[in-house]
């Protein structure tokens, strides 16, 4: 494919290579050359994101063919770029591939590390980069594989339950849950729950035939193992042959080939087909050696890949450090001069600013002090005025109370000694009617002096009744219980009961002074 040099041609070429990548990434492993072509193009364009995607694709396709040395090399290069690029979505994909590869080689510590990183980056990518939340399900799903492979089936089921819970929350369809179901069937199989496991796995076989034929290898492998456990040797043979055929046809899941051959040999042996079993077992050993033996040409470099990767990182960091030091040395003199000039200007500006701010602060402080003094004087005058008026109000009210007491005494004396003098009784009764006006007169004068008293008290304590508010006004003016009773025309016990209720509604403790609290309003 031609690589164009014009901007329009370059955009068109980039589009074509991206389309090529999308076409081959999910196809069989014979498309490695096309992926290599994509990687070369994106490298020339310095397109880091697509370089990482292509390297991950090359790693995956080489792993399908059993070329694990190349697979590791590509994915470690991808990790190097992803860590420099700091894209959470790409770091999620790369760590997912690494965890899967280490699982193949039973490197549990390394596999668990990268699966933990996969989950961490999945959550960050969903939060910060808009990655689909389904990626978190995928990350938890890898933990299911990890614990199942290490025979910790209870923990595997815990993580599987987490996957199901997230799948429900994300409204997965039944087809999207097929991988979860098949994994559950395999775990139940290992736990010896054959009936439940077989029901799930046989249905999964039908579903994968329809949805993803590539995965038939795995389902057939699970079913073959299930029939071995049940000593159904003929059916076990059928499914292992089906798995092996799918590996050849699809050129995928090559890592299961050796175990499929080994279990097929066992099934044949149990059917007394010893010659076939022996030949298949030899084939299994050959495949196993090709994939996993350190003598294998393909995988000879596998054990040193990570060390080479770390050495390359160290060398790259050393080169970067030397280059940075050289640049710093070259720019040092110019920077020093510029810094001195900038600092001198900055100091001059700061000094001017400090002088200006100090003058403004002095003006502000002086004006603020005057305003505060004026406000203080005004507040003192207002307070004194209120105190005077409250004293006048108290004096006036006490006079009214004395007058009312005198009228009551007169009324009682007349009733006792001049009950037959009806004109006199009528005159005194007319005067006692002024008692009704006594409170109204007091209330009018009180609110004139203490305008917001009732509102403030009511806002703070909404439970107070109108009658209790009247009592509070008299308490504010330090009226005695007897004086309050006279003014309000109630008994002294009634006044004391009212004071108790008011204290309770104000939430006062026994030692708190009611009059002092009310005076604050």
Protein backbone atom coordinates (compact mmCIF):
# COMPACT_ATOMS: atom_id res chain seq x y z
CA UNK A 1 0.00 0.00 0.00
CA UNK A 2 1.43 3.38 -1.03
CA UNK A 3 2.14 5.99 1.66
CA UNK A 4 1.24 9.46 0.38
CA UNK A 5 3.21 12.59 1.24
CA UNK A 6 0.58 15.31 0.77
CA UNK A 7 -1.60 16.24 3.74
CA UNK A 8 -4.76 15.01 2.01
CA UNK A 9 -3.01 11.85 0.84
CA UNK A 10 -1.62 11.27 4.31
CA UNK A 11 -5.06 11.55 5.88
CA UNK A 12 -6.46 9.12 3.29
CA UNK A 13 -3.60 6.67 3.89
CA UNK A 14 -4.06 6.87 7.66
CA UNK A 15 -7.74 6.07 7.23
CA UNK A 16 -6.90 3.07 5.01
CA UNK A 17 -4.42 1.64 7.52
CA UNK A 18 -6.84 2.10 10.37
CA UNK A 19 -9.52 0.29 8.37
CA UNK A 20 -7.04 -2.48 7.58
CA UNK A 21 -6.27 -2.83 11.29
CA UNK A 22 -9.98 -3.09 12.15
CA UNK A 23 -10.51 -5.73 9.45
CA UNK A 24 -7.68 -8.04 10.53
CA UNK A 25 -7.62 -7.58 14.32
CA UNK A 26 -10.44 -10.08 14.90
CA UNK A 27 -9.61 -12.39 12.00
CA UNK A 28 -7.45 -15.51 12.10
CA UNK A 29 -3.71 -15.44 12.79
CA UNK A 30 -2.67 -15.55 9.14
CA UNK A 31 -3.05 -11.75 9.05
CA UNK A 32 0.13 -11.02 11.05
CA UNK A 33 1.85 -9.51 8.00
CA UNK A 34 -0.96 -7.01 7.54
CA UNK A 35 -0.66 -5.99 11.19
CA UNK A 36 3.10 -5.59 10.78
CA UNK A 37 2.45 -3.34 7.79
CA UNK A 38 0.07 -1.25 9.91
CA UNK A 39 2.65 -0.98 12.68
CA UNK A 40 5.34 0.20 10.25
CA UNK A 41 3.03 2.87 8.86
CA UNK A 42 1.94 4.17 12.28
CA UNK A 43 5.59 4.18 13.41
CA UNK A 44 6.51 6.37 10.43
CA UNK A 45 3.67 8.71 11.34
CA UNK A 46 4.73 8.68 15.03
CA UNK A 47 1.11 7.83 15.90
CA UNK A 48 1.72 6.40 19.39
CA UNK A 49 -1.87 5.43 20.11
CA UNK A 50 -2.21 3.31 16.98
CA UNK A 51 1.31 1.90 17.42
CA UNK A 52 0.25 0.56 20.83
CA UNK A 53 -3.01 -0.89 19.45
CA UNK A 54 -1.15 -2.60 16.60
CA UNK A 55 1.53 -4.03 18.90
CA UNK A 56 -1.20 -5.45 21.15
CA UNK A 57 -2.83 -6.98 18.07
CA UNK A 58 0.48 -8.51 16.94
CA UNK A 59 0.99 -9.93 20.43
CA UNK A 60 -2.48 -11.48 20.42
CA UNK A 61 -2.14 -12.99 16.93
CA UNK A 62 1.30 -14.46 17.69
CA UNK A 63 -0.04 -15.96 20.92
CA UNK A 64 -2.83 -17.65 18.94
CA UNK A 65 -0.17 -19.36 16.80
CA UNK A 66 1.95 -20.29 19.82
CA UNK A 67 4.71 -17.78 19.00
CA UNK A 68 4.95 -16.66 22.61
CA UNK A 69 8.42 -15.17 22.34
CA UNK A 70 7.21 -12.73 19.65
CA UNK A 71 3.97 -12.23 21.54
CA UNK A 72 5.80 -11.16 24.70
CA UNK A 73 8.20 -8.95 22.75
CA UNK A 74 5.34 -7.05 21.10
CA UNK A 75 3.32 -6.60 24.28
CA UNK A 76 6.34 -5.39 26.29
CA UNK A 77 7.06 -2.83 23.57
CA UNK A 78 3.41 -1.80 23.76
CA UNK A 79 3.67 -1.43 27.55
CA UNK A 80 6.77 0.73 27.19
CA UNK A 81 4.94 3.07 24.80
CA UNK A 82 1.72 3.05 26.84
CA UNK A 83 3.55 4.04 30.03
CA UNK A 84 5.13 6.97 28.18
CA UNK A 85 1.85 7.93 26.52
CA UNK A 86 -0.10 7.69 29.82
CA UNK A 87 -3.41 6.71 28.27
CA UNK A 88 -5.49 4.67 30.74
CA UNK A 89 -7.50 2.90 28.03
CA UNK A 90 -4.35 1.64 26.30
CA UNK A 91 -2.70 0.71 29.62
CA UNK A 92 -5.86 -1.30 30.41
CA UNK A 93 -5.61 -3.23 27.11
CA UNK A 94 -1.85 -3.87 27.38
CA UNK A 95 -1.98 -5.11 30.99
CA UNK A 96 -4.94 -7.34 30.08
CA UNK A 97 -2.82 -9.01 27.35
CA UNK A 98 0.15 -9.42 29.71
CA UNK A 99 -1.98 -11.00 32.45
CA UNK A 100 -3.38 -13.46 29.93
CA UNK A 101 0.11 -14.42 28.64
CA UNK A 102 1.52 -14.96 32.12
CA UNK A 103 -1.47 -17.17 32.93
CA UNK A 104 -0.55 -19.40 29.98
CA UNK A 105 2.91 -19.94 31.51
CA UNK A 106 1.55 -20.35 35.08
CA UNK A 107 3.41 -17.25 36.24
CA UNK A 108 0.88 -16.57 38.97
CA UNK A 109 2.60 -13.65 40.67
CA UNK A 110 3.14 -11.76 37.41
CA UNK A 111 -0.34 -12.64 36.13
CA UNK A 112 -2.00 -11.36 39.31
CA UNK A 113 0.04 -8.12 39.21
CA UNK A 114 -1.04 -7.30 35.65
CA UNK A 115 -4.67 -8.32 36.26
CA UNK A 116 -4.74 -5.95 39.25
CA UNK A 117 -3.34 -3.22 37.01
CA UNK A 118 -5.96 -4.07 34.40
CA UNK A 119 -8.77 -3.41 36.88
CA UNK A 120 -7.10 -0.23 38.16
CA UNK A 121 -6.67 1.22 34.66
CA UNK A 122 -10.16 0.13 33.59
CA UNK A 123 -11.72 2.16 36.40
CA UNK A 124 -9.54 5.19 35.60
CA UNK A 125 -10.31 4.94 31.88
CA UNK A 126 -14.06 4.74 32.53
CA UNK A 127 -13.91 7.74 34.88
CA UNK A 128 -11.52 9.99 32.95
CA UNK A 129 -11.55 8.86 29.29
CA UNK A 130 -15.08 7.67 28.66
CA UNK A 131 -14.22 3.99 28.25
CA UNK A 132 -17.31 1.77 28.35
CA UNK A 133 -18.04 0.47 31.90
CA UNK A 134 -18.21 -3.02 30.35
CA UNK A 135 -14.40 -2.95 30.47
CA UNK A 136 -14.61 -3.19 34.26
CA UNK A 137 -16.63 -6.40 33.85
CA UNK A 138 -13.88 -7.69 31.55
CA UNK A 139 -11.23 -6.86 34.19
CA UNK A 140 -13.11 -8.73 36.93
CA UNK A 141 -13.65 -11.62 34.49
CA UNK A 142 -9.87 -12.10 34.25
CA UNK A 143 -9.75 -12.58 38.03
CA UNK A 144 -12.34 -15.36 37.62
CA UNK A 145 -9.93 -17.10 35.20
CA UNK A 146 -7.01 -16.56 37.56
CA UNK A 147 -8.66 -18.06 40.65
CA UNK A 148 -10.28 -20.90 38.71
CA UNK A 149 -6.93 -21.84 37.19
CA UNK A 150 -5.41 -21.84 40.69
CA UNK A 151 -8.27 -24.07 41.97
CA UNK A 152 -9.64 -21.39 44.30
CA UNK A 153 -13.19 -21.98 43.06
CA UNK A 154 -14.98 -20.17 45.89
CA UNK A 155 -13.09 -16.96 45.22
CA UNK A 156 -13.59 -17.43 41.48
CA UNK A 157 -17.36 -17.58 42.07
CA UNK A 158 -17.20 -14.41 44.20
CA UNK A 159 -15.61 -12.53 41.31
CA UNK A 160 -18.06 -14.13 38.89
CA UNK A 161 -20.95 -12.85 41.04
CA UNK A 162 -19.40 -9.38 40.82
CA UNK A 163 -19.35 -9.72 37.02
CA UNK A 164 -23.01 -10.74 37.00
CA UNK A 165 -23.99 -7.84 39.28
CA UNK A 166 -22.23 -5.34 37.02
CA UNK A 167 -23.69 -6.99 33.93
CA UNK A 168 -27.21 -6.59 35.33
CA UNK A 169 -26.51 -2.96 36.20
CA UNK A 170 -25.23 -2.35 32.65
CA UNK A 171 -28.24 -4.18 31.17
CA UNK A 172 -26.30 -6.96 29.41
CA UNK A 173 -28.30 -9.06 26.97
CA UNK A 174 -28.36 -12.86 27.34
CA UNK A 175 -25.88 -13.14 24.48
CA UNK A 176 -23.50 -10.75 26.24
CA UNK A 177 -23.61 -12.93 29.37
CA UNK A 178 -22.62 -16.07 27.47
CA UNK A 179 -18.94 -15.90 28.55
CA UNK A 180 -19.98 -15.55 32.20
CA UNK A 181 -22.32 -18.54 31.89
CA UNK A 182 -19.72 -20.77 30.27
CA UNK A 183 -17.16 -19.88 32.95
CA UNK A 184 -19.71 -20.64 35.66
CA UNK A 185 -20.35 -24.03 34.05
CA UNK A 186 -16.63 -24.82 34.06
CA UNK A 187 -16.25 -23.84 37.74
CA UNK A 188 -19.27 -25.96 38.72
CA UNK A 189 -17.69 -28.83 36.80
CA UNK A 190 -14.51 -28.54 38.90
CA UNK A 191 -16.68 -28.50 42.04
CA UNK A 192 -18.27 -31.80 41.01
CA UNK A 193 -21.72 -30.36 40.28
CA UNK A 194 -21.98 -32.24 36.99
CA UNK A 195 -25.70 -31.94 36.21
CA UNK A 196 -25.80 -28.17 36.65
CA UNK A 197 -22.46 -27.76 34.85
CA UNK A 198 -23.47 -29.89 31.85
CA UNK A 199 -26.75 -28.03 31.40
CA UNK A 200 -24.89 -24.70 31.21
CA UNK A 201 -22.03 -25.94 29.00
CA UNK A 202 -24.22 -27.72 26.44
CA UNK A 203 -26.36 -24.59 26.06
CA UNK A 204 -23.19 -22.48 25.78
CA UNK A 205 -22.00 -24.72 22.94
CA UNK A 206 -25.14 -23.87 20.95
CA UNK A 207 -24.82 -20.18 21.77
CA UNK A 208 -21.16 -19.96 20.70
CA UNK A 209 -21.87 -21.82 17.44
CA UNK A 210 -24.19 -18.92 16.68
CA UNK A 211 -22.28 -15.97 18.18
CA UNK A 212 -18.52 -16.69 18.20
CA UNK A 213 -17.30 -19.93 16.54
CA UNK A 214 -13.72 -19.10 17.64
CA UNK A 215 -14.71 -19.90 21.24
CA UNK A 216 -15.98 -23.37 20.32
CA UNK A 217 -12.43 -24.59 21.03
CA UNK A 218 -12.75 -23.58 24.69
CA UNK A 219 -16.32 -24.87 25.15
CA UNK A 220 -15.43 -28.20 23.50
CA UNK A 221 -12.39 -28.45 25.77
CA UNK A 222 -14.62 -27.83 28.83
CA UNK A 223 -17.15 -30.44 27.66
CA UNK A 224 -14.40 -32.98 26.94
CA UNK A 225 -13.12 -32.56 30.50
CA UNK A 226 -16.68 -32.89 31.80
CA UNK A 227 -17.16 -36.23 30.07
CA UNK A 228 -13.77 -37.48 31.32
CA UNK A 229 -14.90 -36.77 34.89
CA UNK A 230 -18.07 -38.76 34.16
CA UNK A 231 -16.04 -41.52 32.38
CA UNK A 232 -18.01 -41.00 29.17
CA UNK A 233 -14.95 -41.75 27.04
CA UNK A 234 -16.63 -41.73 23.62
CA UNK A 235 -18.22 -38.32 24.21
CA UNK A 236 -14.96 -37.01 25.65
CA UNK A 237 -13.17 -38.12 22.45
CA UNK A 238 -15.82 -36.36 20.34
CA UNK A 239 -15.37 -33.01 22.03
CA UNK A 240 -11.57 -33.07 22.14
CA UNK A 241 -11.51 -33.84 18.41
CA UNK A 242 -13.97 -30.99 17.87
CA UNK A 243 -11.72 -28.62 19.84
CA UNK A 244 -8.63 -29.70 17.87
CA UNK A 245 -10.42 -29.27 14.54
CA UNK A 246 -11.47 -25.74 15.54
CA UNK A 247 -7.86 -24.91 16.48
CA UNK A 248 -6.72 -25.95 12.99
CA UNK A 249 -9.63 -24.33 11.17
CA UNK A 250 -9.57 -21.04 13.08
CA UNK A 251 -5.83 -20.98 13.82
CA UNK A 252 -6.64 -19.81 17.35
CA UNK A 253 -6.38 -20.93 21.01
CA UNK A 254 -3.20 -22.82 20.17
CA UNK A 255 -2.26 -22.88 23.88
CA UNK A 256 -4.99 -25.49 24.53
CA UNK A 257 -3.81 -27.86 21.78
CA UNK A 258 -1.33 -29.85 23.87
CA UNK A 259 -3.84 -30.46 26.67
CA UNK A 260 -6.60 -31.37 24.19
CA UNK A 261 -4.28 -33.97 22.62
CA UNK A 262 -3.25 -35.32 26.03
CA UNK A 263 -6.87 -35.72 27.17
CA UNK A 264 -7.82 -37.22 23.80
CA UNK A 265 -5.06 -39.81 24.30
CA UNK A 266 -6.53 -40.63 27.72
CA UNK A 267 -10.01 -41.07 26.21
CA UNK A 268 -8.66 -43.39 23.50
CA UNK A 269 -6.67 -45.39 26.04
CA UNK A 270 -9.80 -45.93 28.16
CA UNK A 271 -11.48 -47.30 25.01
CA UNK A 272 -8.56 -49.76 24.59
CA UNK A 273 -7.42 -48.05 21.38
CA UNK A 274 -3.84 -48.11 22.55
CA UNK A 275 -2.05 -47.48 19.25
CA UNK A 276 -4.12 -44.36 18.53
CA UNK A 277 -3.69 -43.22 22.11
CA UNK A 278 0.09 -43.59 21.89
CA UNK A 279 0.32 -41.65 18.62
CA UNK A 280 -1.86 -38.85 19.99
CA UNK A 281 0.18 -38.69 23.20
CA UNK A 282 3.39 -38.32 21.18
CA UNK A 283 1.76 -35.50 19.21
CA UNK A 284 0.77 -33.87 22.50
CA UNK A 285 4.34 -34.01 23.79
CA UNK A 286 5.66 -32.53 20.55
CA UNK A 287 3.19 -29.64 20.66
CA UNK A 288 3.94 -29.06 24.34
CA UNK A 289 7.67 -28.92 23.60
CA UNK A 290 7.11 -26.56 20.68
CA UNK A 291 5.14 -24.16 22.84
CA UNK A 292 6.67 -24.34 26.29
CA UNK A 293 10.11 -25.96 26.14
CA UNK A 294 13.05 -23.58 26.56
CA UNK A 295 14.76 -25.58 23.77
CA UNK A 296 12.09 -24.46 21.29
CA UNK A 297 13.43 -22.04 18.68
CA UNK A 298 10.28 -19.91 18.85
CA UNK A 299 10.40 -19.46 22.60
CA UNK A 300 14.15 -19.53 23.22
CA UNK A 301 14.19 -15.82 23.99
CA UNK A 302 11.11 -15.80 26.19
CA UNK A 303 12.91 -15.96 29.54
CA UNK A 304 15.11 -12.96 28.71
CA UNK A 305 12.43 -10.68 27.25
CA UNK A 306 11.56 -8.89 30.44
CA UNK A 307 15.24 -8.36 31.31
CA UNK A 308 15.85 -6.94 27.85
CA UNK A 309 12.83 -4.70 28.29
CA UNK A 310 14.13 -3.41 31.62
CA UNK A 311 17.63 -2.93 30.18
CA UNK A 312 16.17 -0.99 27.25
CA UNK A 313 14.21 1.17 29.68
CA UNK A 314 17.36 1.84 31.70
CA UNK A 315 19.36 2.64 28.57
CA UNK A 316 16.62 4.89 27.26
CA UNK A 317 16.41 6.72 30.58
CA UNK A 318 20.20 7.13 30.59
CA UNK A 319 20.16 8.59 27.06
CA UNK A 320 17.30 10.92 27.97
CA UNK A 321 19.15 12.02 31.11
CA UNK A 322 22.36 12.76 29.17
CA UNK A 323 20.42 14.70 26.54
CA UNK A 324 18.57 16.67 29.19
CA UNK A 325 21.82 17.48 30.98
CA UNK A 326 23.35 18.70 27.73
CA UNK A 327 20.35 20.90 26.99
CA UNK A 328 20.41 22.27 30.52
CA UNK A 329 24.11 23.08 30.17
CA UNK A 330 23.57 24.83 26.83
CA UNK A 331 20.72 26.94 28.15
CA UNK A 332 22.19 27.65 31.58
CA UNK A 333 23.93 30.94 30.73
CA UNK A 334 20.97 32.41 28.86
CA UNK A 335 18.60 31.28 31.55
CA UNK A 336 20.77 32.75 34.29
CA UNK A 337 20.85 36.17 32.62
CA UNK A 338 17.12 36.10 31.93
CA UNK A 339 16.37 35.02 35.45
CA UNK A 340 18.43 37.90 36.90
CA UNK A 341 16.66 40.45 34.68
CA UNK A 342 13.24 39.01 35.43
CA UNK A 343 13.98 38.88 39.15
CA UNK A 344 15.17 42.51 39.19
CA UNK A 345 12.02 43.65 37.41
CA UNK A 346 9.91 41.49 39.67
CA UNK A 347 11.55 42.90 42.82
CA UNK A 348 11.01 46.47 41.59
CA UNK A 349 7.36 45.77 40.79
CA UNK A 350 6.88 44.03 44.12
CA UNK A 351 8.38 46.98 46.01
CA UNK A 352 6.11 49.42 44.19
CA UNK A 353 3.16 47.19 44.83
CA UNK A 354 4.03 46.87 48.51
CA UNK A 355 4.26 50.66 48.92
CA UNK A 356 0.97 51.14 47.12
CA UNK A 357 -0.76 48.39 49.10
CA UNK A 358 0.59 49.72 52.39
CA UNK A 359 -0.81 53.18 51.65
CA UNK A 360 -4.15 51.71 50.62
CA UNK A 361 -4.19 49.54 53.73
CA UNK A 362 -3.53 52.54 55.98
CA UNK A 363 -6.35 54.47 54.32
CA UNK A 364 -8.63 51.48 54.63
CA UNK A 365 -7.70 50.88 58.29
CA UNK A 366 -8.24 54.55 59.14
CA UNK A 367 -11.62 54.66 57.43
CA UNK A 368 -12.62 51.34 58.97
CA UNK A 369 -11.61 52.55 62.44
CA UNK A 370 -13.70 55.71 62.04
CA UNK A 371 -16.69 53.71 60.84
CA UNK A 372 -16.34 51.22 63.69
CA UNK A 373 -16.06 54.04 66.26
CA UNK A 374 -19.08 55.77 64.78
CA UNK A 375 -21.06 52.52 64.77
CA UNK A 376 -20.00 51.81 68.35
CA UNK A 377 -21.14 55.23 69.52
CA UNK A 378 -24.41 54.87 67.68
CA UNK A 379 -24.93 51.42 69.17
CA UNK A 380 -24.22 52.73 72.66
CA UNK A 381 -26.65 55.63 72.15
CA UNK A 382 -29.32 53.24 70.86
CA UNK A 383 -28.75 50.89 73.77
CA UNK A 384 -28.95 53.72 76.29
CA UNK A 385 -32.10 55.03 74.62
CA UNK A 386 -33.73 51.60 74.73
CA UNK A 387 -32.77 51.19 78.38
CA UNK A 388 -34.28 54.57 79.24
CA UNK A 389 -37.45 53.82 77.34
CA UNK A 390 -37.69 50.35 78.91
CA UNK A 391 -37.30 51.93 82.36
CA UNK A 392 -40.00 54.45 81.50
CA UNK A 393 -42.17 51.62 80.23
CA UNK A 394 -41.55 49.62 83.39
CA UNK A 395 -42.35 52.62 85.58
CA UNK A 396 -45.50 53.36 83.61
CA UNK A 397 -46.62 49.76 83.79
CA UNK A 398 -45.97 49.55 87.52
CA UNK A 399 -48.05 52.69 88.01
CA UNK A 400 -50.85 51.10 86.04
CA UNK A 401 -50.54 47.95 88.12
CA UNK A 402 -50.64 50.00 91.36
CA UNK A 403 -53.70 51.82 90.08
CA UNK A 404 -55.31 48.52 89.19
CA UNK A 405 -54.50 47.12 92.64
CA UNK A 406 -55.97 50.22 94.26
CA UNK A 407 -59.15 49.91 92.20
CA UNK A 408 -59.43 46.25 93.16
CA UNK A 409 -59.05 47.16 96.84
CA UNK A 410 -61.66 49.91 96.50
CA UNK A 411 -64.04 47.55 94.76
CA UNK A 412 -63.62 44.98 97.49
CA UNK A 413 -64.11 47.59 100.25
CA UNK A 414 -67.23 49.02 98.62
CA UNK A 415 -68.67 45.55 98.14
CA UNK A 416 -68.07 44.85 101.82
CA UNK A 417 -69.18 48.19 103.37
CA UNK A 418 -71.37 49.93 100.78
CA UNK A 419 -72.97 47.16 98.82
CA UNK A 420 -76.26 49.02 98.85
CA UNK A 421 -74.70 52.07 97.17
CA UNK A 422 -75.35 51.00 93.58
CA UNK A 423 -74.28 54.25 91.85
CA UNK A 424 -70.89 54.05 93.55
CA UNK A 425 -70.48 50.36 92.64
CA UNK A 426 -71.30 51.12 89.01
CA UNK A 427 -68.73 53.93 88.88
CA UNK A 428 -65.95 51.72 90.29
CA UNK A 429 -66.84 48.88 87.89
CA UNK A 430 -66.57 51.27 84.97
CA UNK A 431 -63.04 52.15 86.10
CA UNK A 432 -62.06 48.49 86.44
CA UNK A 433 -62.95 47.96 82.78
CA UNK A 434 -59.76 49.84 82.02
CA UNK A 435 -57.95 46.67 83.14
CA UNK A 436 -58.70 45.16 79.75
CA UNK A 437 -56.93 48.08 78.10
CA UNK A 438 -53.96 47.79 80.48
CA UNK A 439 -52.18 45.11 78.44
CA UNK A 440 -52.94 46.77 75.09
CA UNK A 441 -51.40 50.01 76.31
CA UNK A 442 -48.34 48.19 77.62
CA UNK A 443 -47.92 46.12 74.44
CA UNK A 444 -48.16 49.22 72.24
CA UNK A 445 -45.46 51.01 74.22
CA UNK A 446 -43.26 47.88 74.44
CA UNK A 447 -43.24 47.16 70.68
CA UNK A 448 -42.52 50.83 70.04
CA UNK A 449 -39.25 50.45 71.96
CA UNK A 450 -38.40 46.82 71.14
CA UNK A 451 -39.56 46.61 67.52
CA UNK A 452 -38.15 43.22 66.51
CA UNK A 453 -38.36 41.47 69.88
CA UNK A 454 -41.36 39.27 69.09
CA UNK A 455 -40.16 38.39 65.56
CA UNK A 456 -36.63 37.49 66.67
CA UNK A 457 -37.90 35.35 69.53
CA UNK A 458 -40.50 33.63 67.33
CA UNK A 459 -37.91 32.91 64.60
CA UNK A 460 -35.56 31.30 67.13
CA UNK A 461 -38.28 29.42 69.04
CA UNK A 462 -41.32 28.80 66.78
CA UNK A 463 -43.04 26.71 69.48
CA UNK A 464 -43.72 29.76 71.68
CA UNK A 465 -47.42 30.68 71.85
CA UNK A 466 -48.72 34.31 71.69
CA UNK A 467 -49.44 34.19 75.44
CA UNK A 468 -45.90 32.97 76.16
CA UNK A 469 -44.50 35.78 74.00
CA UNK A 470 -46.38 38.28 76.22
CA UNK A 471 -44.83 36.66 79.28
CA UNK A 472 -41.38 36.90 77.65
CA UNK A 473 -41.87 40.65 77.15
CA UNK A 474 -42.58 41.11 80.88
CA UNK A 475 -39.64 38.87 81.82
CA UNK A 476 -37.36 41.02 79.62
CA UNK A 477 -38.38 44.05 81.74
CA UNK A 478 -37.65 42.08 84.95
CA UNK A 479 -41.24 42.11 86.23
CA UNK A 480 -41.85 39.95 89.28
CA UNK A 481 -44.28 37.04 89.21
CA UNK A 482 -46.75 39.05 91.25
CA UNK A 483 -46.57 42.04 88.89
CA UNK A 484 -46.95 39.80 85.86
CA UNK A 485 -49.98 38.12 87.44
CA UNK A 486 -51.57 41.48 88.13
CA UNK A 487 -50.92 42.80 84.63
CA UNK A 488 -52.04 39.61 82.88
CA UNK A 489 -54.95 38.97 85.28
CA UNK A 490 -53.76 35.44 86.12
CA UNK A 491 -52.57 33.72 89.30
CA UNK A 492 -48.96 33.69 90.45
CA UNK A 493 -48.96 29.91 90.00
CA UNK A 494 -50.05 30.46 86.40
CA UNK A 495 -47.08 32.81 85.90
CA UNK A 496 -44.64 30.27 87.37
CA UNK A 497 -46.08 27.49 85.22
CA UNK A 498 -45.71 29.69 82.14
CA UNK A 499 -42.07 30.49 83.04
CA UNK A 500 -41.36 26.74 83.38
CA UNK A 501 -42.85 26.02 79.93
CA UNK A 502 -40.89 28.87 78.37
CA UNK A 503 -37.61 27.56 79.87
CA UNK A 504 -38.39 24.12 78.49
CA UNK A 505 -39.14 25.44 74.98
CA UNK A 506 -35.94 27.53 75.04
CA UNK A 507 -33.99 24.41 76.05
CA UNK A 508 -32.44 26.05 79.13
CA UNK A 509 -30.58 24.18 81.84
CA UNK A 510 -31.47 24.72 85.51
CA UNK A 511 -28.50 27.05 86.12
CA UNK A 512 -29.23 29.31 83.12
CA UNK A 513 -30.95 32.65 83.80
CA UNK A 514 -34.19 33.00 81.82
CA UNK A 515 -34.32 36.81 81.98
CA UNK A 516 -30.72 37.14 80.74
CA UNK A 517 -31.38 34.85 77.78
CA UNK A 518 -34.59 36.66 76.79
CA UNK A 519 -32.89 40.05 77.19
CA UNK A 520 -30.59 39.06 74.30
CA UNK A 521 -33.49 39.33 71.86
